[in-house]
Amino acid sequence: MRIDIVADFVCPWCFIGQRRLQRAMAMRPKLSVARTWRPFQLNPDLPLEGVSRELYLQLKFGGLRSAERIHAALATAGARDGIEFAFDRIRRTPNTLNAHRLVRLAAASGRADVVAEALFTGYFSAGLDIGDVDALARVAAGAGLDGRAARAHLAGGSGTAEVLAEEHRARRIGIDAVPCFIIDGDYALAGAQDPEMFLPLFDLALVPRLPVEA
């Protein structure tokens, strides 16, 4: 079974949704699943160097006080899935193009899931600037990739057109919010749903398809 995960690594609900997918998969231990990460940028217009977190929160939520209420609700939701959100550690809101390029690079070595988890935990629990090339190279090295090769890849333009094309395709087929989970190309589940919500879709995807008559 293939599951395409359309997500962004600065999306807290994507982090929660990914953990809930893992819990759903644990409920079907005999299920063979191949996960593919698909790019989606919540803030595609941010400069490549990102912006200060204070400015971002002011523009998006009208200030820190409003953001803190939202962060408190997210922290409660995340705790149920083993996530320790530390929003106070985040100093910059990054442009995530390079993070998506790194995941694409990691997929070629079968390390995309490891890198994706490291990006989520690095950003939301340690305040890592996941738009910074040096920080991303360290993530790559920590995930078992060649850090220097990853840095050279990100410093150039390799993979940029492909990431942007994939994101364009996601928006073209109607995805305008993340996370979104597409199962075997036929069934989609939007949002950070409870693990039990995945199970009927797993079962549907396992039903043999009837041949199409000519």
N, C-alpha and C. Protein backbone atom coordinates (compact mmCIF):
# COMPACT_ATOMS: atom_id res chain seq x y z
N MET A 1 0.85 -1.19 0.00
CA MET A 1 0.00 0.00 0.00
C MET A 1 0.88 1.25 0.00
N ARG A 2 0.54 2.20 -0.83
CA ARG A 2 1.29 3.45 -0.87
C ARG A 2 0.48 4.55 -0.21
N ILE A 3 1.13 5.32 0.64
CA ILE A 3 0.48 6.48 1.25
C ILE A 3 1.30 7.71 0.92
N ASP A 4 0.69 8.64 0.19
CA ASP A 4 1.32 9.92 -0.10
C ASP A 4 0.93 10.90 1.00
N ILE A 5 1.93 11.50 1.62
CA ILE A 5 1.70 12.45 2.71
C ILE A 5 2.00 13.85 2.17
N VAL A 6 0.98 14.62 1.97
CA VAL A 6 1.15 16.01 1.51
C VAL A 6 1.22 16.87 2.76
N ALA A 7 2.36 17.53 2.97
CA ALA A 7 2.58 18.21 4.25
C ALA A 7 3.62 19.30 4.12
N ASP A 8 3.67 20.13 5.15
CA ASP A 8 4.74 21.12 5.28
C ASP A 8 5.34 20.97 6.67
N PHE A 9 6.63 21.21 6.79
CA PHE A 9 7.33 20.92 8.03
C PHE A 9 7.25 22.05 9.05
N VAL A 10 6.56 23.13 8.72
CA VAL A 10 6.26 24.16 9.72
C VAL A 10 4.78 24.12 10.11
N CYS A 11 4.11 23.06 9.72
CA CYS A 11 2.69 22.88 10.02
C CYS A 11 2.56 21.97 11.24
N PRO A 12 2.14 22.49 12.39
CA PRO A 12 2.03 21.64 13.58
C PRO A 12 1.03 20.52 13.41
N TRP A 13 -0.05 20.76 12.69
CA TRP A 13 -1.04 19.71 12.48
C TRP A 13 -0.50 18.61 11.57
N CYS A 14 0.44 18.95 10.70
CA CYS A 14 1.09 17.92 9.88
C CYS A 14 1.92 16.99 10.76
N PHE A 15 2.62 17.56 11.75
CA PHE A 15 3.40 16.77 12.69
C PHE A 15 2.47 15.84 13.47
N ILE A 16 1.38 16.38 13.98
CA ILE A 16 0.41 15.58 14.72
C ILE A 16 -0.20 14.51 13.81
N GLY A 17 -0.56 14.90 12.59
CA GLY A 17 -1.15 13.96 11.65
C GLY A 17 -0.22 12.81 11.31
N GLN A 18 1.08 13.12 11.18
CA GLN A 18 2.05 12.07 10.88
C GLN A 18 2.14 11.07 12.03
N ARG A 19 2.10 11.57 13.26
CA ARG A 19 2.13 10.66 14.42
C ARG A 19 0.86 9.82 14.48
N ARG A 20 -0.27 10.39 14.13
CA ARG A 20 -1.52 9.64 14.15
C ARG A 20 -1.56 8.59 13.05
N LEU A 21 -0.95 8.90 11.91
CA LEU A 21 -0.82 7.89 10.87
C LEU A 21 0.02 6.72 11.38
N GLN A 22 1.11 7.02 12.08
CA GLN A 22 1.94 5.95 12.63
C GLN A 22 1.14 5.07 13.59
N ARG A 23 0.30 5.69 14.40
CA ARG A 23 -0.52 4.92 15.32
C ARG A 23 -1.52 4.04 14.56
N ALA A 24 -2.08 4.59 13.48
CA ALA A 24 -3.02 3.81 12.67
C ALA A 24 -2.32 2.61 12.04
N MET A 25 -1.10 2.82 11.56
CA MET A 25 -0.35 1.73 10.96
C MET A 25 -0.03 0.65 11.99
N ALA A 26 0.21 1.06 13.23
CA ALA A 26 0.47 0.09 14.30
C ALA A 26 -0.76 -0.76 14.59
N MET A 27 -1.94 -0.23 14.30
CA MET A 27 -3.17 -1.00 14.49
C MET A 27 -3.37 -2.04 13.39
N ARG A 28 -2.61 -1.92 12.32
CA ARG A 28 -2.64 -2.88 11.22
C ARG A 28 -1.21 -3.37 11.00
N PRO A 29 -0.65 -4.11 11.96
CA PRO A 29 0.78 -4.46 11.92
C PRO A 29 1.18 -5.31 10.72
N LYS A 30 0.25 -6.01 10.11
CA LYS A 30 0.59 -6.85 8.95
C LYS A 30 0.53 -6.08 7.64
N LEU A 31 0.15 -4.82 7.71
CA LEU A 31 0.03 -4.00 6.51
C LEU A 31 1.42 -3.55 6.05
N SER A 32 1.69 -3.73 4.79
CA SER A 32 2.95 -3.26 4.20
C SER A 32 2.70 -1.90 3.56
N VAL A 33 3.35 -0.87 4.11
CA VAL A 33 3.09 0.50 3.68
C VAL A 33 4.37 1.16 3.20
N ALA A 34 4.30 1.81 2.06
CA ALA A 34 5.38 2.66 1.56
C ALA A 34 4.88 4.10 1.60
N ARG A 35 5.54 4.93 2.40
CA ARG A 35 5.13 6.33 2.52
C ARG A 35 5.98 7.21 1.60
N THR A 36 5.31 8.15 0.95
CA THR A 36 6.00 9.12 0.10
C THR A 36 5.60 10.51 0.54
N TRP A 37 6.59 11.35 0.81
CA TRP A 37 6.32 12.73 1.25
C TRP A 37 6.19 13.63 0.04
N ARG A 38 5.08 14.37 0.00
CA ARG A 38 4.81 15.29 -1.10
C ARG A 38 4.85 16.73 -0.59
N PRO A 39 5.50 17.62 -1.30
CA PRO A 39 5.70 18.98 -0.79
C PRO A 39 4.47 19.86 -0.88
N PHE A 40 4.35 20.72 0.12
CA PHE A 40 3.32 21.75 0.15
C PHE A 40 3.88 22.86 1.04
N GLN A 41 3.91 24.08 0.52
CA GLN A 41 4.43 25.20 1.31
C GLN A 41 3.27 26.06 1.82
N LEU A 42 3.18 26.16 3.13
CA LEU A 42 2.16 27.04 3.71
C LEU A 42 2.47 28.51 3.44
N ASN A 43 3.76 28.82 3.37
CA ASN A 43 4.18 30.22 3.19
C ASN A 43 5.16 30.33 2.02
N PRO A 44 4.69 30.05 0.80
CA PRO A 44 5.62 30.03 -0.34
C PRO A 44 6.21 31.39 -0.68
N ASP A 45 5.59 32.45 -0.19
CA ASP A 45 6.06 33.79 -0.54
C ASP A 45 7.09 34.34 0.44
N LEU A 46 7.42 33.59 1.48
CA LEU A 46 8.44 34.06 2.41
C LEU A 46 9.80 34.11 1.70
N PRO A 47 10.66 35.06 2.06
CA PRO A 47 12.01 35.06 1.48
C PRO A 47 12.74 33.78 1.88
N LEU A 48 13.73 33.37 1.09
CA LEU A 48 14.43 32.13 1.36
C LEU A 48 15.06 32.11 2.75
N GLU A 49 15.46 33.28 3.25
CA GLU A 49 16.07 33.34 4.59
C GLU A 49 15.03 33.34 5.71
N GLY A 50 13.75 33.31 5.35
CA GLY A 50 12.69 33.32 6.35
C GLY A 50 12.49 34.71 6.95
N VAL A 51 11.67 34.77 8.00
CA VAL A 51 11.42 36.03 8.70
C VAL A 51 11.46 35.76 10.20
N SER A 52 11.60 36.83 10.97
CA SER A 52 11.61 36.66 12.41
C SER A 52 10.26 36.10 12.87
N ARG A 53 10.31 35.28 13.90
CA ARG A 53 9.08 34.67 14.41
C ARG A 53 8.12 35.74 14.92
N GLU A 54 8.66 36.76 15.55
CA GLU A 54 7.81 37.83 16.08
C GLU A 54 7.03 38.51 14.97
N LEU A 55 7.71 38.81 13.86
CA LEU A 55 7.03 39.46 12.74
C LEU A 55 5.98 38.53 12.15
N TYR A 56 6.32 37.26 12.01
CA TYR A 56 5.38 36.31 11.43
C TYR A 56 4.12 36.19 12.27
N LEU A 57 4.27 36.07 13.58
CA LEU A 57 3.12 35.94 14.45
C LEU A 57 2.26 37.20 14.45
N GLN A 58 2.92 38.35 14.31
CA GLN A 58 2.18 39.60 14.25
C GLN A 58 1.33 39.65 12.98
N LEU A 59 1.91 39.22 11.86
CA LEU A 59 1.20 39.26 10.60
C LEU A 59 0.10 38.21 10.52
N LYS A 60 0.36 37.03 11.06
CA LYS A 60 -0.58 35.92 10.92
C LYS A 60 -1.68 35.94 11.98
N PHE A 61 -1.30 36.26 13.23
CA PHE A 61 -2.26 36.15 14.33
C PHE A 61 -2.57 37.48 15.02
N GLY A 62 -1.88 38.52 14.60
CA GLY A 62 -2.11 39.81 15.23
C GLY A 62 -1.30 40.03 16.50
N GLY A 63 -0.35 39.14 16.76
CA GLY A 63 0.51 39.33 17.92
C GLY A 63 0.70 38.06 18.72
N LEU A 64 1.61 38.15 19.69
CA LEU A 64 2.00 36.98 20.47
C LEU A 64 0.86 36.47 21.34
N ARG A 65 0.06 37.36 21.90
CA ARG A 65 -0.99 36.92 22.82
C ARG A 65 -1.99 36.00 22.13
N SER A 66 -2.42 36.37 20.93
CA SER A 66 -3.34 35.51 20.18
C SER A 66 -2.67 34.19 19.82
N ALA A 67 -1.40 34.26 19.44
CA ALA A 67 -0.68 33.04 19.06
C ALA A 67 -0.54 32.11 20.25
N GLU A 68 -0.33 32.65 21.43
CA GLU A 68 -0.14 31.80 22.61
C GLU A 68 -1.36 30.94 22.91
N ARG A 69 -2.55 31.47 22.66
CA ARG A 69 -3.76 30.67 22.88
C ARG A 69 -3.80 29.49 21.92
N ILE A 70 -3.43 29.75 20.67
CA ILE A 70 -3.41 28.67 19.68
C ILE A 70 -2.33 27.66 20.02
N HIS A 71 -1.17 28.15 20.43
CA HIS A 71 -0.07 27.26 20.79
C HIS A 71 -0.42 26.38 21.98
N ALA A 72 -1.16 26.89 22.92
CA ALA A 72 -1.56 26.10 24.09
C ALA A 72 -2.45 24.94 23.66
N ALA A 73 -3.38 25.21 22.76
CA ALA A 73 -4.26 24.14 22.27
C ALA A 73 -3.46 23.10 21.49
N LEU A 74 -2.50 23.55 20.70
CA LEU A 74 -1.66 22.62 19.95
C LEU A 74 -0.81 21.77 20.88
N ALA A 75 -0.28 22.39 21.92
CA ALA A 75 0.55 21.65 22.88
C ALA A 75 -0.25 20.53 23.53
N THR A 76 -1.50 20.81 23.85
CA THR A 76 -2.36 19.79 24.46
C THR A 76 -2.62 18.65 23.48
N ALA A 77 -2.92 19.01 22.23
CA ALA A 77 -3.17 17.99 21.21
C ALA A 77 -1.91 17.18 20.93
N GLY A 78 -0.78 17.85 20.84
CA GLY A 78 0.47 17.17 20.53
C GLY A 78 0.90 16.22 21.63
N ALA A 79 0.65 16.59 22.89
CA ALA A 79 1.08 15.75 24.01
C ALA A 79 0.45 14.37 23.94
N ARG A 80 -0.76 14.30 23.41
CA ARG A 80 -1.43 13.00 23.31
C ARG A 80 -0.75 12.09 22.30
N ASP A 81 0.07 12.69 21.42
CA ASP A 81 0.78 11.89 20.42
C ASP A 81 2.29 11.91 20.66
N GLY A 82 2.69 12.24 21.87
CA GLY A 82 4.10 12.18 22.22
C GLY A 82 4.94 13.31 21.68
N ILE A 83 4.31 14.42 21.32
CA ILE A 83 5.03 15.58 20.77
C ILE A 83 5.18 16.65 21.84
N GLU A 84 6.39 17.12 22.02
CA GLU A 84 6.65 18.22 22.95
C GLU A 84 6.88 19.50 22.15
N PHE A 85 5.81 20.22 21.91
CA PHE A 85 5.95 21.49 21.20
C PHE A 85 6.64 22.51 22.11
N ALA A 86 7.62 23.20 21.56
CA ALA A 86 8.33 24.25 22.29
C ALA A 86 8.34 25.50 21.41
N PHE A 87 7.17 26.10 21.24
CA PHE A 87 7.04 27.23 20.33
C PHE A 87 7.91 28.41 20.75
N ASP A 88 8.19 28.52 22.04
CA ASP A 88 9.01 29.64 22.53
C ASP A 88 10.46 29.55 22.04
N ARG A 89 10.89 28.40 21.58
CA ARG A 89 12.26 28.24 21.10
C ARG A 89 12.43 28.67 19.64
N ILE A 90 11.33 28.83 18.94
CA ILE A 90 11.39 29.17 17.52
C ILE A 90 11.70 30.66 17.38
N ARG A 91 12.78 30.95 16.68
CA ARG A 91 13.19 32.34 16.48
C ARG A 91 12.90 32.86 15.07
N ARG A 92 12.83 31.94 14.12
CA ARG A 92 12.54 32.34 12.74
C ARG A 92 11.50 31.40 12.15
N THR A 93 10.62 31.97 11.33
CA THR A 93 9.71 31.15 10.52
C THR A 93 10.36 31.01 9.16
N PRO A 94 10.72 29.79 8.77
CA PRO A 94 11.51 29.61 7.55
C PRO A 94 10.66 29.45 6.30
N ASN A 95 11.28 29.73 5.18
CA ASN A 95 10.79 29.25 3.90
C ASN A 95 11.18 27.77 3.85
N THR A 96 10.26 26.89 3.48
CA THR A 96 10.53 25.45 3.59
C THR A 96 10.91 24.78 2.26
N LEU A 97 11.18 25.57 1.24
CA LEU A 97 11.54 24.98 -0.04
C LEU A 97 12.74 24.04 0.10
N ASN A 98 13.79 24.50 0.80
CA ASN A 98 14.99 23.67 0.94
C ASN A 98 14.73 22.44 1.80
N ALA A 99 13.86 22.55 2.77
CA ALA A 99 13.51 21.37 3.58
C ALA A 99 12.86 20.30 2.71
N HIS A 100 11.97 20.73 1.82
CA HIS A 100 11.33 19.78 0.91
C HIS A 100 12.34 19.20 -0.07
N ARG A 101 13.30 20.01 -0.50
CA ARG A 101 14.34 19.50 -1.40
C ARG A 101 15.18 18.45 -0.68
N LEU A 102 15.44 18.65 0.61
CA LEU A 102 16.22 17.68 1.36
C LEU A 102 15.46 16.36 1.49
N VAL A 103 14.17 16.42 1.75
CA VAL A 103 13.38 15.19 1.86
C VAL A 103 13.37 14.45 0.52
N ARG A 104 13.27 15.19 -0.55
CA ARG A 104 13.31 14.56 -1.87
C ARG A 104 14.65 13.87 -2.08
N LEU A 105 15.73 14.53 -1.69
CA LEU A 105 17.06 13.92 -1.80
C LEU A 105 17.14 12.67 -0.93
N ALA A 106 16.62 12.75 0.28
CA ALA A 106 16.69 11.61 1.21
C ALA A 106 15.89 10.42 0.70
N ALA A 107 14.81 10.68 -0.04
CA ALA A 107 13.97 9.60 -0.55
C ALA A 107 14.76 8.67 -1.47
N ALA A 108 15.74 9.21 -2.17
CA ALA A 108 16.54 8.39 -3.08
C ALA A 108 17.35 7.34 -2.32
N SER A 109 17.59 7.59 -1.02
CA SER A 109 18.34 6.64 -0.19
C SER A 109 17.44 5.94 0.81
N GLY A 110 16.13 6.09 0.66
CA GLY A 110 15.20 5.45 1.57
C GLY A 110 15.19 6.06 2.96
N ARG A 111 15.59 7.33 3.08
CA ARG A 111 15.69 7.97 4.39
C ARG A 111 14.71 9.12 4.56
N ALA A 112 13.71 9.20 3.71
CA ALA A 112 12.79 10.34 3.75
C ALA A 112 12.02 10.40 5.06
N ASP A 113 11.54 9.26 5.56
CA ASP A 113 10.78 9.26 6.81
C ASP A 113 11.63 9.76 7.98
N VAL A 114 12.88 9.33 8.01
CA VAL A 114 13.78 9.73 9.09
C VAL A 114 14.04 11.23 9.03
N VAL A 115 14.29 11.74 7.82
CA VAL A 115 14.55 13.18 7.67
C VAL A 115 13.30 13.98 8.00
N ALA A 116 12.14 13.53 7.57
CA ALA A 116 10.89 14.25 7.86
C ALA A 116 10.67 14.35 9.37
N GLU A 117 10.86 13.25 10.07
CA GLU A 117 10.71 13.27 11.53
C GLU A 117 11.71 14.24 12.17
N ALA A 118 12.95 14.23 11.67
CA ALA A 118 13.97 15.13 12.22
C ALA A 118 13.64 16.60 11.96
N LEU A 119 13.04 16.88 10.82
CA LEU A 119 12.65 18.26 10.51
C LEU A 119 11.54 18.72 11.45
N PHE A 120 10.54 17.87 11.64
CA PHE A 120 9.45 18.23 12.55
C PHE A 120 9.97 18.44 13.98
N THR A 121 10.71 17.47 14.50
CA THR A 121 11.17 17.59 15.89
C THR A 121 12.19 18.71 16.05
N GLY A 122 13.04 18.87 15.04
CA GLY A 122 14.03 19.95 15.11
C GLY A 122 13.37 21.31 15.18
N TYR A 123 12.38 21.52 14.33
CA TYR A 123 11.73 22.83 14.29
C TYR A 123 10.84 23.06 15.51
N PHE A 124 9.97 22.11 15.81
CA PHE A 124 8.95 22.35 16.83
C PHE A 124 9.43 22.09 18.26
N SER A 125 10.46 21.28 18.43
CA SER A 125 10.91 20.98 19.79
C SER A 125 12.23 21.66 20.14
N ALA A 126 13.05 21.96 19.12
CA ALA A 126 14.36 22.56 19.39
C ALA A 126 14.52 23.95 18.79
N GLY A 127 13.53 24.40 18.01
CA GLY A 127 13.62 25.73 17.40
C GLY A 127 14.63 25.81 16.27
N LEU A 128 14.95 24.68 15.63
CA LEU A 128 15.91 24.66 14.54
C LEU A 128 15.38 25.45 13.34
N ASP A 129 16.24 26.25 12.75
CA ASP A 129 15.86 26.99 11.54
C ASP A 129 15.98 26.04 10.35
N ILE A 130 14.87 25.43 9.95
CA ILE A 130 14.92 24.42 8.89
C ILE A 130 14.89 25.04 7.50
N GLY A 131 15.12 26.34 7.43
CA GLY A 131 15.34 26.98 6.14
C GLY A 131 16.81 27.22 5.89
N ASP A 132 17.64 27.05 6.92
CA ASP A 132 19.07 27.31 6.84
C ASP A 132 19.79 26.09 6.27
N VAL A 133 20.61 26.30 5.26
CA VAL A 133 21.28 25.20 4.58
C VAL A 133 22.20 24.43 5.52
N ASP A 134 22.95 25.15 6.36
CA ASP A 134 23.86 24.46 7.29
C ASP A 134 23.08 23.60 8.28
N ALA A 135 21.96 24.11 8.77
CA ALA A 135 21.13 23.34 9.70
C ALA A 135 20.57 22.10 9.00
N LEU A 136 20.15 22.25 7.76
CA LEU A 136 19.62 21.12 7.01
C LEU A 136 20.71 20.07 6.73
N ALA A 137 21.93 20.53 6.50
CA ALA A 137 23.03 19.59 6.30
C ALA A 137 23.27 18.77 7.56
N ARG A 138 23.11 19.39 8.72
CA ARG A 138 23.27 18.66 9.98
C ARG A 138 22.13 17.65 10.16
N VAL A 139 20.92 18.03 9.76
CA VAL A 139 19.80 17.10 9.80
C VAL A 139 20.10 15.90 8.91
N ALA A 140 20.61 16.17 7.72
CA ALA A 140 20.94 15.09 6.78
C ALA A 140 21.97 14.14 7.39
N ALA A 141 23.02 14.70 7.97
CA ALA A 141 24.06 13.86 8.57
C ALA A 141 23.49 13.04 9.72
N GLY A 142 22.65 13.63 10.53
CA GLY A 142 22.04 12.92 11.64
C GLY A 142 21.12 11.81 11.20
N ALA A 143 20.62 11.90 9.98
CA ALA A 143 19.72 10.89 9.44
C ALA A 143 20.46 9.82 8.64
N GLY A 144 21.79 9.89 8.65
CA GLY A 144 22.57 8.87 7.97
C GLY A 144 22.96 9.20 6.55
N LEU A 145 22.72 10.44 6.12
CA LEU A 145 23.13 10.86 4.79
C LEU A 145 24.50 11.54 4.86
N ASP A 146 25.07 11.79 3.71
CA ASP A 146 26.33 12.53 3.63
C ASP A 146 26.01 14.01 3.79
N GLY A 147 26.39 14.58 4.93
CA GLY A 147 26.03 15.97 5.23
C GLY A 147 26.64 16.95 4.25
N ARG A 148 27.89 16.73 3.85
CA ARG A 148 28.54 17.66 2.93
C ARG A 148 27.90 17.58 1.54
N ALA A 149 27.55 16.36 1.13
CA ALA A 149 26.88 16.22 -0.17
C ALA A 149 25.50 16.87 -0.14
N ALA A 150 24.80 16.73 0.99
CA ALA A 150 23.48 17.36 1.12
C ALA A 150 23.60 18.87 1.08
N ARG A 151 24.63 19.40 1.75
CA ARG A 151 24.81 20.85 1.74
C ARG A 151 25.09 21.36 0.33
N ALA A 152 25.93 20.65 -0.42
CA ALA A 152 26.22 21.04 -1.80
C ALA A 152 24.97 20.98 -2.66
N HIS A 153 24.16 19.95 -2.43
CA HIS A 153 22.90 19.81 -3.17
C HIS A 153 21.99 21.01 -2.91
N LEU A 154 21.85 21.38 -1.64
CA LEU A 154 20.95 22.47 -1.28
C LEU A 154 21.49 23.82 -1.69
N ALA A 155 22.81 23.97 -1.70
CA ALA A 155 23.41 25.24 -2.09
C ALA A 155 23.21 25.52 -3.57
N GLY A 156 23.01 24.46 -4.36
CA GLY A 156 22.71 24.61 -5.78
C GLY A 156 21.21 24.62 -6.01
N GLY A 157 20.82 24.33 -7.22
CA GLY A 157 19.39 24.38 -7.53
C GLY A 157 18.75 23.03 -7.77
N SER A 158 19.50 21.95 -7.56
CA SER A 158 18.98 20.62 -7.87
C SER A 158 17.71 20.31 -7.10
N GLY A 159 16.73 19.80 -7.80
CA GLY A 159 15.49 19.39 -7.17
C GLY A 159 14.46 20.48 -6.97
N THR A 160 14.84 21.74 -7.17
CA THR A 160 13.91 22.84 -6.94
C THR A 160 12.72 22.78 -7.88
N ALA A 161 12.99 22.61 -9.17
CA ALA A 161 11.90 22.58 -10.16
C ALA A 161 10.95 21.42 -9.88
N GLU A 162 11.52 20.28 -9.47
CA GLU A 162 10.69 19.11 -9.22
C GLU A 162 9.79 19.32 -8.00
N VAL A 163 10.33 19.93 -6.95
CA VAL A 163 9.51 20.21 -5.76
C VAL A 163 8.39 21.17 -6.10
N LEU A 164 8.69 22.22 -6.82
CA LEU A 164 7.67 23.20 -7.18
C LEU A 164 6.61 22.59 -8.09
N ALA A 165 7.04 21.71 -8.99
CA ALA A 165 6.08 21.05 -9.89
C ALA A 165 5.14 20.14 -9.09
N GLU A 166 5.68 19.43 -8.10
CA GLU A 166 4.84 18.56 -7.28
C GLU A 166 3.84 19.37 -6.47
N GLU A 167 4.30 20.49 -5.94
CA GLU A 167 3.40 21.33 -5.16
C GLU A 167 2.29 21.89 -6.06
N HIS A 168 2.66 22.30 -7.26
CA HIS A 168 1.66 22.82 -8.20
C HIS A 168 0.62 21.75 -8.51
N ARG A 169 1.07 20.51 -8.66
CA ARG A 169 0.14 19.43 -8.95
C ARG A 169 -0.82 19.23 -7.78
N ALA A 170 -0.31 19.29 -6.55
CA ALA A 170 -1.17 19.11 -5.39
C ALA A 170 -2.26 20.18 -5.36
N ARG A 171 -1.88 21.41 -5.63
CA ARG A 171 -2.86 22.49 -5.62
C ARG A 171 -3.84 22.35 -6.79
N ARG A 172 -3.33 21.85 -7.90
CA ARG A 172 -4.19 21.71 -9.09
C ARG A 172 -5.27 20.65 -8.88
N ILE A 173 -4.97 19.61 -8.10
CA ILE A 173 -5.98 18.58 -7.87
C ILE A 173 -6.88 18.91 -6.68
N GLY A 174 -6.71 20.12 -6.13
CA GLY A 174 -7.64 20.59 -5.12
C GLY A 174 -7.16 20.58 -3.69
N ILE A 175 -5.91 20.25 -3.46
CA ILE A 175 -5.37 20.28 -2.10
C ILE A 175 -4.98 21.72 -1.77
N ASP A 176 -5.66 22.31 -0.79
CA ASP A 176 -5.35 23.68 -0.42
C ASP A 176 -5.05 23.83 1.07
N ALA A 177 -4.95 22.70 1.75
CA ALA A 177 -4.61 22.69 3.17
C ALA A 177 -3.94 21.36 3.49
N VAL A 178 -3.11 21.37 4.50
CA VAL A 178 -2.40 20.15 4.88
C VAL A 178 -2.52 19.93 6.39
N PRO A 179 -2.36 18.65 6.82
CA PRO A 179 -1.93 17.50 6.04
C PRO A 179 -3.05 16.90 5.21
N CYS A 180 -2.64 16.17 4.19
CA CYS A 180 -3.58 15.38 3.40
C CYS A 180 -2.90 14.05 3.09
N PHE A 181 -3.60 12.96 3.35
CA PHE A 181 -3.06 11.63 3.16
C PHE A 181 -3.81 10.95 2.02
N ILE A 182 -3.08 10.53 1.00
CA ILE A 182 -3.69 9.89 -0.17
C ILE A 182 -3.26 8.43 -0.19
N ILE A 183 -4.22 7.54 -0.12
CA ILE A 183 -3.95 6.12 0.04
C ILE A 183 -4.17 5.40 -1.28
N ASP A 184 -3.09 4.82 -1.78
CA ASP A 184 -3.08 4.09 -3.05
C ASP A 184 -3.64 4.92 -4.20
N GLY A 185 -3.52 6.22 -4.11
CA GLY A 185 -3.94 7.10 -5.19
C GLY A 185 -5.43 7.26 -5.35
N ASP A 186 -6.22 6.58 -4.50
CA ASP A 186 -7.67 6.57 -4.67
C ASP A 186 -8.46 7.22 -3.54
N TYR A 187 -7.92 7.17 -2.32
CA TYR A 187 -8.68 7.60 -1.15
C TYR A 187 -7.86 8.66 -0.40
N ALA A 188 -8.53 9.75 -0.04
CA ALA A 188 -7.84 10.85 0.62
C ALA A 188 -8.47 11.12 1.98
N LEU A 189 -7.60 11.46 2.93
CA LEU A 189 -8.04 11.87 4.26
C LEU A 189 -7.36 13.19 4.58
N ALA A 190 -8.15 14.22 4.78
CA ALA A 190 -7.61 15.55 5.03
C ALA A 190 -7.61 15.85 6.51
N GLY A 191 -6.56 16.53 6.95
CA GLY A 191 -6.48 16.95 8.34
C GLY A 191 -5.80 15.92 9.23
N ALA A 192 -5.54 16.34 10.48
CA ALA A 192 -4.90 15.45 11.46
C ALA A 192 -5.98 14.64 12.16
N GLN A 193 -6.48 13.64 11.47
CA GLN A 193 -7.59 12.85 11.98
C GLN A 193 -7.11 11.83 13.00
N ASP A 194 -8.04 11.35 13.83
CA ASP A 194 -7.71 10.30 14.78
C ASP A 194 -7.28 9.04 14.04
N PRO A 195 -6.42 8.23 14.66
CA PRO A 195 -5.92 7.03 13.97
C PRO A 195 -7.03 6.13 13.42
N GLU A 196 -8.11 6.02 14.15
CA GLU A 196 -9.19 5.13 13.73
C GLU A 196 -9.81 5.54 12.40
N MET A 197 -9.66 6.81 12.03
CA MET A 197 -10.23 7.29 10.77
C MET A 197 -9.49 6.73 9.55
N PHE A 198 -8.24 6.32 9.75
CA PHE A 198 -7.49 5.76 8.64
C PHE A 198 -7.93 4.33 8.31
N LEU A 199 -8.40 3.62 9.31
CA LEU A 199 -8.60 2.18 9.16
C LEU A 199 -9.58 1.80 8.06
N PRO A 200 -10.76 2.46 7.95
CA PRO A 200 -11.66 2.09 6.83
C PRO A 200 -11.03 2.31 5.46
N LEU A 201 -10.17 3.33 5.35
CA LEU A 201 -9.52 3.59 4.06
C LEU A 201 -8.47 2.53 3.78
N PHE A 202 -7.76 2.09 4.82
CA PHE A 202 -6.83 0.97 4.63
C PHE A 202 -7.58 -0.24 4.09
N ASP A 203 -8.73 -0.52 4.70
CA ASP A 203 -9.51 -1.70 4.31
C ASP A 203 -10.02 -1.57 2.87
N LEU A 204 -10.49 -0.37 2.52
CA LEU A 204 -10.95 -0.15 1.15
C LEU A 204 -9.83 -0.36 0.13
N ALA A 205 -8.65 0.14 0.48
CA ALA A 205 -7.53 0.04 -0.45
C ALA A 205 -7.10 -1.40 -0.66
N LEU A 206 -7.40 -2.26 0.30
CA LEU A 206 -7.00 -3.67 0.20
C LEU A 206 -7.98 -4.51 -0.60
N VAL A 207 -9.17 -3.96 -0.90
CA VAL A 207 -10.17 -4.70 -1.67
C VAL A 207 -9.66 -4.82 -3.11
N PRO A 208 -9.60 -6.05 -3.65
CA PRO A 208 -9.10 -6.21 -5.04
C PRO A 208 -9.95 -5.43 -6.03
N ARG A 209 -9.28 -4.76 -6.96
CA ARG A 209 -10.01 -4.03 -8.00
C ARG A 209 -10.50 -4.99 -9.07
N LEU A 210 -11.72 -4.76 -9.50
CA LEU A 210 -12.25 -5.54 -10.62
C LEU A 210 -11.66 -5.01 -11.92
N PRO A 211 -11.37 -5.89 -12.86
CA PRO A 211 -10.83 -5.42 -14.15
C PRO A 211 -11.84 -4.55 -14.88
N VAL A 212 -11.35 -3.54 -15.53
CA VAL A 212 -12.21 -2.65 -16.32
C VAL A 212 -12.47 -3.27 -17.68
N GLU A 213 -13.73 -3.40 -18.03
CA GLU A 213 -14.06 -3.99 -19.32
C GLU A 213 -13.75 -3.02 -20.45
N ALA A 214 -13.28 -3.59 -21.54
CA ALA A 214 -12.94 -2.77 -22.71
C ALA A 214 -14.21 -2.30 -23.39
